[in-house]
C-alpha atoms as a PDB file:
ATOM      1  CA  MET A   1     -22.137 -28.175  45.811  1.00  0.00           C
ATOM      2  CA  THR A   2     -19.196 -29.882  43.359  1.00  0.00           C
ATOM      3  CA  ALA A   3     -16.866 -27.596  41.788  1.00  0.00           C
ATOM      4  CA  LYS A   4     -16.666 -27.110  37.851  1.00  0.00           C
ATOM      5  CA  ARG A   5     -13.718 -28.795  36.350  1.00  0.00           C
ATOM      6  CA  PRO A   6     -11.691 -27.719  34.006  1.00  0.00           C
ATOM      7  CA  GLY A   7     -12.812 -28.343  29.905  1.00  0.00           C
ATOM      8  CA  PRO A   8     -10.287 -29.707  27.677  1.00  0.00           C
ATOM      9  CA  ALA A   9      -6.885 -28.690  27.137  1.00  0.00           C
ATOM     10  CA  LYS A  10      -6.067 -26.035  24.450  1.00  0.00           C
ATOM     11  CA  SER A  11      -2.834 -25.835  22.631  1.00  0.00           C
ATOM     12  CA  PHE A  12      -0.872 -22.990  20.794  1.00  0.00           C
ATOM     13  CA  ARG A  13       2.161 -22.023  18.774  1.00  0.00           C
ATOM     14  CA  PHE A  14       3.285 -18.509  19.389  1.00  0.00           C
ATOM     15  CA  THR A  15       6.034 -16.227  17.483  1.00  0.00           C
ATOM     16  CA  PRO A  16       8.990 -15.130  19.355  1.00  0.00           C
ATOM     17  CA  ASP A  17       7.737 -11.284  19.747  1.00  0.00           C
ATOM     18  CA  GLU A  18       4.277 -13.269  20.829  1.00  0.00           C
ATOM     19  CA  LEU A  19       5.690 -14.807  23.193  1.00  0.00           C
ATOM     20  CA  THR A  20       7.722 -12.069  24.890  1.00  0.00           C
ATOM     21  CA  LEU A  21       4.144  -9.929  24.785  1.00  0.00           C
ATOM     22  CA  LEU A  22       2.897 -13.213  26.387  1.00  0.00           C
ATOM     23  CA  ASP A  23       5.707 -13.310  29.012  1.00  0.00           C
ATOM     24  CA  GLU A  24       5.489  -9.642  29.720  1.00  0.00           C
ATOM     25  CA  MET A  25       1.646  -9.858  30.416  1.00  0.00           C
ATOM     26  CA  ALA A  26       2.017 -12.833  32.206  1.00  0.00           C
ATOM     27  CA  GLU A  27       3.740 -10.312  34.539  1.00  0.00           C
ATOM     28  CA  LYS A  28       1.567  -7.923  35.166  1.00  0.00           C
ATOM     29  CA  HIS A  29      -1.430 -10.711  35.206  1.00  0.00           C
ATOM     30  CA  GLY A  30       0.149 -13.555  37.474  1.00  0.00           C
ATOM     31  CA  SER A  31      -0.073 -16.052  34.618  1.00  0.00           C
ATOM     32  CA  GLN A  32      -0.025 -16.917  31.291  1.00  0.00           C
ATOM     33  CA  LYS A  33      -3.335 -18.190  31.508  1.00  0.00           C
ATOM     34  CA  ALA A  34      -4.754 -14.469  33.603  1.00  0.00           C
ATOM     35  CA  ALA A  35      -3.267 -12.547  30.429  1.00  0.00           C
ATOM     36  CA  ILE A  36      -4.733 -14.207  27.794  1.00  0.00           C
ATOM     37  CA  ILE A  37      -7.918 -13.619  29.800  1.00  0.00           C
ATOM     38  CA  ALA A  38      -7.546 -10.015  29.964  1.00  0.00           C
ATOM     39  CA  GLY A  39      -7.139  -9.789  26.555  1.00  0.00           C
ATOM     40  CA  LEU A  40     -10.272 -11.453  25.601  1.00  0.00           C
ATOM     41  CA  ASN A  41     -12.097  -9.188  28.226  1.00  0.00           C
ATOM     42  CA  ALA A  42     -10.636  -6.492  27.011  1.00  0.00           C
ATOM     43  CA  LEU A  43     -11.610  -7.026  23.684  1.00  0.00           C
ATOM     44  CA  ARG A  44     -15.359  -7.978  24.544  1.00  0.00           C
ATOM     45  CA  SER A  45     -15.652  -4.479  26.306  1.00  0.00           C
ATOM     46  CA  ALA A  46     -13.935  -2.144  23.272  1.00  0.00           C
ATOM     47  CA  ARG A  47     -17.528  -4.212  21.648  1.00  0.00           C
ATOM     48  CA  GLU A  48     -19.693  -2.676  23.747  1.00  0.00           C
ATOM     49  CA  ILE A  49     -20.658   1.264  24.087  1.00  0.00           C
ATOM     50  CA  SER A  50     -21.218   3.055  26.922  1.00  0.00           C
ATOM     51  CA  ASP A  51     -24.157   4.740  27.520  1.00  0.00           C
ATOM     52  CA  ALA A  52     -22.037   8.309  27.164  1.00  0.00           C
ATOM     53  CA  GLN A  53     -20.366   6.857  23.949  1.00  0.00           C
ATOM     54  CA  LEU A  54     -24.348   6.196  22.767  1.00  0.00           C
ATOM     55  CA  ALA A  55     -25.467   9.896  23.506  1.00  0.00           C
ATOM     56  CA  ARG A  56     -22.708  11.407  22.201  1.00  0.00           C
ATOM     57  CA  LEU A  57     -23.291   9.707  18.588  1.00  0.00           C
ATOM     58  CA  VAL A  58     -26.786  10.292  18.714  1.00  0.00           C
ATOM     59  CA  THR A  59     -26.137  13.728  19.659  1.00  0.00           C
ATOM     60  CA  GLU A  60     -23.550  13.814  16.685  1.00  0.00           C
ATOM     61  CA  ARG A  61     -26.008  12.511  14.189  1.00  0.00           C
ATOM     62  CA  LEU A  62     -28.788  14.075  15.292  1.00  0.00           C
ATOM     63  CA  THR A  63     -26.684  17.483  15.032  1.00  0.00           C
ATOM     64  CA  ALA A  64     -25.853  16.319  11.833  1.00  0.00           C
ATOM     65  CA  ARG A  65     -28.866  15.840  10.397  1.00  0.00           C
ATOM     66  CA  LYS A  66     -30.376  19.178  11.541  1.00  0.00           C
ATOM     67  CA  GLY A  67     -27.807  20.809   9.272  1.00  0.00           C
ATOM     68  CA  ARG A  68     -28.781  19.216   6.140  1.00  0.00           C
END
């Protein structure tokens, strides 16, 4: 089985404040790339709703309808 080759290189320009944040997160995650991927994954997770959150929202909505 052959390993996947990396995709095309990406280049970005950062402000000094963004570079500071990137460096801080790179220390936490091991590399700048890992820090960026961790941030993207966190954003994707924030869009998804958990079963518990869904149940709470449905309960709130149904309770509000009963009060009408």
